[in-house]
Amino acid sequence: MTMSIESQGNLAVVVLTGRLDSTNAADTEAQILAQIEAGSPRIVVDASGLDYLSSAGLRVFLVVAKRVKASGGALALHSLTAHVREVFEISGFVNVLTVCADRDEALTRV
């Protein structure tokens, strides 16, 4: 998996590509949490290139959501691929996390 992070003041846009699973979940979580600690409690995740999401990947989003809430920020994900959306729906995460159709909508929700 590859990840790029674009910081803009108190907002970080995280672009994920590939597979988010147990092999890279801890590192992904640490990098996103570092953004929050550095003063970016508003996180937008672009999941348009995320091909696969395991339970370890779901945990990353739960931990990040909890941390942004504690920091007074927000988390929004957008452009989920069909597989990732299915995982979110089966797990009920679509009801717990903010899932948006595109980047513009996500930016208005954080």
N, C-alpha and C. Protein backbone atom coordinates (compact mmCIF):
# COMPACT_ATOMS: atom_id res chain seq x y z
N MET A 1 0.84 -1.18 0.00
CA MET A 1 0.00 0.00 0.00
C MET A 1 0.88 1.23 0.00
N THR A 2 0.40 2.27 -0.66
CA THR A 2 1.08 3.56 -0.60
C THR A 2 0.12 4.57 0.03
N MET A 3 0.73 5.53 0.69
CA MET A 3 -0.05 6.58 1.34
C MET A 3 0.66 7.90 1.13
N SER A 4 -0.12 8.91 0.77
CA SER A 4 0.42 10.26 0.73
C SER A 4 -0.46 11.13 1.61
N ILE A 5 0.17 12.11 2.24
CA ILE A 5 -0.56 13.01 3.14
C ILE A 5 -0.25 14.44 2.74
N GLU A 6 -1.31 15.18 2.52
CA GLU A 6 -1.22 16.58 2.14
C GLU A 6 -1.79 17.40 3.30
N SER A 7 -0.94 18.15 3.98
CA SER A 7 -1.40 18.96 5.11
C SER A 7 -1.72 20.37 4.65
N GLN A 8 -2.85 20.89 5.15
CA GLN A 8 -3.29 22.24 4.83
C GLN A 8 -3.81 22.86 6.11
N GLY A 9 -2.94 23.46 6.90
CA GLY A 9 -3.36 24.03 8.18
C GLY A 9 -3.78 22.94 9.13
N ASN A 10 -5.02 23.01 9.62
CA ASN A 10 -5.50 22.00 10.57
C ASN A 10 -6.22 20.84 9.87
N LEU A 11 -6.01 20.72 8.55
CA LEU A 11 -6.61 19.66 7.74
C LEU A 11 -5.51 18.82 7.11
N ALA A 12 -5.70 17.50 7.14
CA ALA A 12 -4.79 16.59 6.44
C ALA A 12 -5.62 15.73 5.50
N VAL A 13 -5.20 15.69 4.24
CA VAL A 13 -5.86 14.83 3.26
C VAL A 13 -4.94 13.62 3.06
N VAL A 14 -5.48 12.44 3.37
CA VAL A 14 -4.73 11.20 3.28
C VAL A 14 -5.23 10.42 2.07
N VAL A 15 -4.32 10.08 1.17
CA VAL A 15 -4.67 9.31 -0.02
C VAL A 15 -4.09 7.91 0.12
N LEU A 16 -4.97 6.91 0.14
CA LEU A 16 -4.55 5.52 0.31
C LEU A 16 -4.72 4.77 -1.01
N THR A 17 -3.71 3.98 -1.36
CA THR A 17 -3.74 3.19 -2.59
C THR A 17 -3.24 1.78 -2.28
N GLY A 18 -3.98 0.78 -2.75
CA GLY A 18 -3.55 -0.60 -2.56
C GLY A 18 -4.38 -1.31 -1.50
N ARG A 19 -3.68 -2.07 -0.64
CA ARG A 19 -4.33 -2.90 0.37
C ARG A 19 -4.02 -2.37 1.77
N LEU A 20 -5.04 -2.16 2.57
CA LEU A 20 -4.85 -1.79 3.97
C LEU A 20 -5.21 -3.02 4.80
N ASP A 21 -4.16 -3.67 5.31
CA ASP A 21 -4.37 -4.92 6.04
C ASP A 21 -3.39 -4.99 7.21
N SER A 22 -3.27 -6.15 7.82
CA SER A 22 -2.45 -6.30 9.03
C SER A 22 -0.97 -6.02 8.78
N THR A 23 -0.51 -6.12 7.55
CA THR A 23 0.90 -5.87 7.28
C THR A 23 1.27 -4.39 7.34
N ASN A 24 0.31 -3.52 7.13
CA ASN A 24 0.64 -2.09 7.11
C ASN A 24 -0.30 -1.22 7.95
N ALA A 25 -1.24 -1.83 8.65
CA ALA A 25 -2.22 -1.06 9.42
C ALA A 25 -1.57 -0.24 10.53
N ALA A 26 -0.64 -0.83 11.26
CA ALA A 26 -0.02 -0.11 12.39
C ALA A 26 0.74 1.12 11.90
N ASP A 27 1.48 0.98 10.80
CA ASP A 27 2.22 2.11 10.26
C ASP A 27 1.28 3.19 9.73
N THR A 28 0.23 2.77 9.05
CA THR A 28 -0.76 3.71 8.53
C THR A 28 -1.40 4.50 9.68
N GLU A 29 -1.81 3.77 10.71
CA GLU A 29 -2.42 4.40 11.88
C GLU A 29 -1.46 5.40 12.50
N ALA A 30 -0.21 5.00 12.69
CA ALA A 30 0.78 5.88 13.31
C ALA A 30 0.99 7.16 12.51
N GLN A 31 1.04 7.04 11.20
CA GLN A 31 1.27 8.23 10.36
C GLN A 31 0.08 9.18 10.41
N ILE A 32 -1.13 8.64 10.42
CA ILE A 32 -2.31 9.51 10.48
C ILE A 32 -2.42 10.15 11.87
N LEU A 33 -2.17 9.37 12.91
CA LEU A 33 -2.21 9.92 14.28
C LEU A 33 -1.15 11.00 14.46
N ALA A 34 -0.01 10.85 13.81
CA ALA A 34 1.03 11.88 13.88
C ALA A 34 0.54 13.20 13.30
N GLN A 35 -0.30 13.14 12.27
CA GLN A 35 -0.88 14.36 11.69
C GLN A 35 -1.77 15.06 12.71
N ILE A 36 -2.56 14.27 13.43
CA ILE A 36 -3.45 14.83 14.44
C ILE A 36 -2.63 15.49 15.54
N GLU A 37 -1.61 14.79 15.99
CA GLU A 37 -0.74 15.32 17.05
C GLU A 37 -0.01 16.58 16.61
N ALA A 38 0.25 16.69 15.31
CA ALA A 38 0.95 17.85 14.77
C ALA A 38 0.02 19.04 14.53
N GLY A 39 -1.26 18.88 14.88
CA GLY A 39 -2.18 20.01 14.77
C GLY A 39 -3.16 19.94 13.62
N SER A 40 -3.37 18.75 13.07
CA SER A 40 -4.34 18.58 11.99
C SER A 40 -5.44 17.61 12.43
N PRO A 41 -6.38 18.09 13.27
CA PRO A 41 -7.43 17.18 13.75
C PRO A 41 -8.57 16.95 12.76
N ARG A 42 -8.51 17.61 11.61
CA ARG A 42 -9.51 17.38 10.56
C ARG A 42 -8.85 16.49 9.51
N ILE A 43 -9.38 15.27 9.33
CA ILE A 43 -8.78 14.29 8.44
C ILE A 43 -9.78 13.90 7.35
N VAL A 44 -9.34 13.99 6.10
CA VAL A 44 -10.12 13.51 4.96
C VAL A 44 -9.32 12.37 4.34
N VAL A 45 -9.96 11.23 4.17
CA VAL A 45 -9.31 10.07 3.58
C VAL A 45 -9.88 9.82 2.19
N ASP A 46 -9.00 9.86 1.19
CA ASP A 46 -9.37 9.54 -0.19
C ASP A 46 -9.12 8.04 -0.36
N ALA A 47 -10.20 7.27 -0.45
CA ALA A 47 -10.10 5.81 -0.56
C ALA A 47 -10.33 5.32 -1.99
N SER A 48 -10.25 6.21 -2.95
CA SER A 48 -10.54 5.82 -4.33
C SER A 48 -9.57 4.79 -4.88
N GLY A 49 -8.37 4.71 -4.32
CA GLY A 49 -7.39 3.73 -4.78
C GLY A 49 -7.21 2.57 -3.83
N LEU A 50 -8.06 2.48 -2.82
CA LEU A 50 -7.95 1.40 -1.83
C LEU A 50 -8.67 0.17 -2.37
N ASP A 51 -7.89 -0.86 -2.70
CA ASP A 51 -8.44 -2.07 -3.31
C ASP A 51 -8.98 -3.07 -2.30
N TYR A 52 -8.40 -3.07 -1.11
CA TYR A 52 -8.74 -4.10 -0.13
C TYR A 52 -8.65 -3.50 1.27
N LEU A 53 -9.56 -3.91 2.14
CA LEU A 53 -9.58 -3.44 3.52
C LEU A 53 -9.90 -4.62 4.43
N SER A 54 -8.99 -4.91 5.35
CA SER A 54 -9.21 -6.01 6.30
C SER A 54 -9.75 -5.44 7.61
N SER A 55 -9.99 -6.33 8.56
CA SER A 55 -10.46 -5.88 9.88
C SER A 55 -9.40 -5.01 10.55
N ALA A 56 -8.13 -5.27 10.30
CA ALA A 56 -7.07 -4.42 10.84
C ALA A 56 -7.16 -3.02 10.25
N GLY A 57 -7.55 -2.93 8.99
CA GLY A 57 -7.74 -1.63 8.35
C GLY A 57 -8.94 -0.90 8.93
N LEU A 58 -10.01 -1.63 9.20
CA LEU A 58 -11.19 -1.02 9.83
C LEU A 58 -10.81 -0.43 11.18
N ARG A 59 -9.98 -1.15 11.92
CA ARG A 59 -9.54 -0.68 13.23
C ARG A 59 -8.81 0.66 13.12
N VAL A 60 -8.01 0.81 12.07
CA VAL A 60 -7.30 2.08 11.86
C VAL A 60 -8.28 3.23 11.84
N PHE A 61 -9.37 3.07 11.09
CA PHE A 61 -10.34 4.15 10.98
C PHE A 61 -11.06 4.41 12.29
N LEU A 62 -11.33 3.36 13.06
CA LEU A 62 -11.96 3.56 14.37
C LEU A 62 -11.05 4.31 15.33
N VAL A 63 -9.78 3.93 15.36
CA VAL A 63 -8.82 4.60 16.24
C VAL A 63 -8.66 6.06 15.84
N VAL A 64 -8.54 6.31 14.54
CA VAL A 64 -8.38 7.69 14.05
C VAL A 64 -9.63 8.50 14.37
N ALA A 65 -10.82 7.92 14.16
CA ALA A 65 -12.07 8.64 14.44
C ALA A 65 -12.15 9.02 15.91
N LYS A 66 -11.77 8.10 16.77
CA LYS A 66 -11.79 8.36 18.21
C LYS A 66 -10.82 9.49 18.58
N ARG A 67 -9.63 9.47 17.98
CA ARG A 67 -8.62 10.48 18.29
C ARG A 67 -9.01 11.85 17.76
N VAL A 68 -9.58 11.92 16.55
CA VAL A 68 -9.97 13.23 16.02
C VAL A 68 -11.11 13.82 16.85
N LYS A 69 -12.01 12.96 17.30
CA LYS A 69 -13.11 13.45 18.13
C LYS A 69 -12.58 14.02 19.43
N ALA A 70 -11.62 13.32 20.04
CA ALA A 70 -11.02 13.81 21.29
C ALA A 70 -10.25 15.11 21.08
N SER A 71 -9.78 15.34 19.86
CA SER A 71 -9.02 16.55 19.53
C SER A 71 -9.91 17.67 19.02
N GLY A 72 -11.23 17.43 18.98
CA GLY A 72 -12.15 18.45 18.49
C GLY A 72 -12.21 18.53 16.99
N GLY A 73 -11.76 17.49 16.32
CA GLY A 73 -11.76 17.48 14.86
C GLY A 73 -12.81 16.55 14.30
N ALA A 74 -12.58 16.09 13.08
CA ALA A 74 -13.52 15.20 12.41
C ALA A 74 -12.79 14.37 11.37
N LEU A 75 -13.39 13.25 11.02
CA LEU A 75 -12.86 12.34 10.01
C LEU A 75 -13.94 12.12 8.96
N ALA A 76 -13.56 12.20 7.69
CA ALA A 76 -14.48 11.86 6.60
C ALA A 76 -13.71 11.06 5.56
N LEU A 77 -14.34 10.00 5.08
CA LEU A 77 -13.76 9.19 4.01
C LEU A 77 -14.58 9.41 2.76
N HIS A 78 -13.92 9.34 1.61
CA HIS A 78 -14.68 9.51 0.37
C HIS A 78 -14.17 8.60 -0.74
N SER A 79 -15.02 8.44 -1.73
CA SER A 79 -14.71 7.68 -2.94
C SER A 79 -14.32 6.23 -2.64
N LEU A 80 -15.10 5.58 -1.78
CA LEU A 80 -14.82 4.18 -1.46
C LEU A 80 -15.03 3.30 -2.69
N THR A 81 -14.10 2.39 -2.91
CA THR A 81 -14.24 1.43 -4.00
C THR A 81 -15.35 0.45 -3.63
N ALA A 82 -15.81 -0.32 -4.59
CA ALA A 82 -16.92 -1.25 -4.35
C ALA A 82 -16.60 -2.23 -3.22
N HIS A 83 -15.40 -2.79 -3.22
CA HIS A 83 -15.04 -3.76 -2.17
C HIS A 83 -15.01 -3.11 -0.79
N VAL A 84 -14.37 -1.96 -0.72
CA VAL A 84 -14.25 -1.27 0.58
C VAL A 84 -15.63 -0.83 1.07
N ARG A 85 -16.46 -0.34 0.18
CA ARG A 85 -17.83 0.05 0.57
C ARG A 85 -18.58 -1.17 1.11
N GLU A 86 -18.42 -2.31 0.48
CA GLU A 86 -19.09 -3.53 0.94
C GLU A 86 -18.62 -3.90 2.35
N VAL A 87 -17.33 -3.80 2.61
CA VAL A 87 -16.79 -4.08 3.94
C VAL A 87 -17.37 -3.09 4.95
N PHE A 88 -17.45 -1.83 4.58
CA PHE A 88 -18.03 -0.81 5.47
C PHE A 88 -19.51 -1.11 5.75
N GLU A 89 -20.25 -1.53 4.74
CA GLU A 89 -21.67 -1.82 4.92
C GLU A 89 -21.89 -3.06 5.77
N ILE A 90 -21.15 -4.12 5.50
CA ILE A 90 -21.30 -5.37 6.27
C ILE A 90 -20.94 -5.15 7.74
N SER A 91 -19.90 -4.36 7.98
CA SER A 91 -19.44 -4.12 9.36
C SER A 91 -20.28 -3.06 10.08
N GLY A 92 -21.09 -2.33 9.34
CA GLY A 92 -21.89 -1.26 9.94
C GLY A 92 -21.14 0.05 10.07
N PHE A 93 -19.93 0.13 9.53
CA PHE A 93 -19.14 1.34 9.65
C PHE A 93 -19.74 2.52 8.89
N VAL A 94 -20.58 2.26 7.88
CA VAL A 94 -21.21 3.36 7.16
C VAL A 94 -22.13 4.15 8.08
N ASN A 95 -22.57 3.51 9.17
CA ASN A 95 -23.44 4.18 10.14
C ASN A 95 -22.66 4.84 11.27
N VAL A 96 -21.37 4.52 11.37
CA VAL A 96 -20.54 5.02 12.47
C VAL A 96 -19.61 6.14 12.00
N LEU A 97 -19.07 6.00 10.80
CA LEU A 97 -18.12 6.97 10.27
C LEU A 97 -18.77 7.82 9.18
N THR A 98 -18.20 8.95 8.89
CA THR A 98 -18.69 9.83 7.84
C THR A 98 -18.13 9.37 6.50
N VAL A 99 -18.99 8.87 5.64
CA VAL A 99 -18.60 8.38 4.32
C VAL A 99 -19.26 9.28 3.28
N CYS A 100 -18.44 9.84 2.41
CA CYS A 100 -18.92 10.81 1.42
C CYS A 100 -18.67 10.31 0.00
N ALA A 101 -19.40 10.88 -0.92
CA ALA A 101 -19.27 10.48 -2.32
C ALA A 101 -17.97 10.97 -2.95
N ASP A 102 -17.55 12.21 -2.61
CA ASP A 102 -16.36 12.77 -3.24
C ASP A 102 -15.62 13.70 -2.29
N ARG A 103 -14.51 14.19 -2.75
CA ARG A 103 -13.64 15.05 -1.91
C ARG A 103 -14.34 16.33 -1.49
N ASP A 104 -15.06 16.94 -2.40
CA ASP A 104 -15.74 18.20 -2.06
C ASP A 104 -16.71 18.00 -0.91
N GLU A 105 -17.50 16.93 -0.96
CA GLU A 105 -18.44 16.67 0.13
C GLU A 105 -17.69 16.39 1.42
N ALA A 106 -16.61 15.61 1.34
CA ALA A 106 -15.84 15.27 2.54
C ALA A 106 -15.25 16.53 3.18
N LEU A 107 -14.77 17.45 2.36
CA LEU A 107 -14.19 18.68 2.91
C LEU A 107 -15.24 19.52 3.64
N THR A 108 -16.49 19.45 3.22
CA THR A 108 -17.52 20.21 3.92
C THR A 108 -17.96 19.52 5.21
N ARG A 109 -17.63 18.24 5.37
CA ARG A 109 -18.09 17.48 6.54
C ARG A 109 -17.08 17.41 7.68
N VAL A 110 -15.86 17.93 7.46
CA VAL A 110 -14.85 17.90 8.53
C VAL A 110 -14.61 19.26 9.12
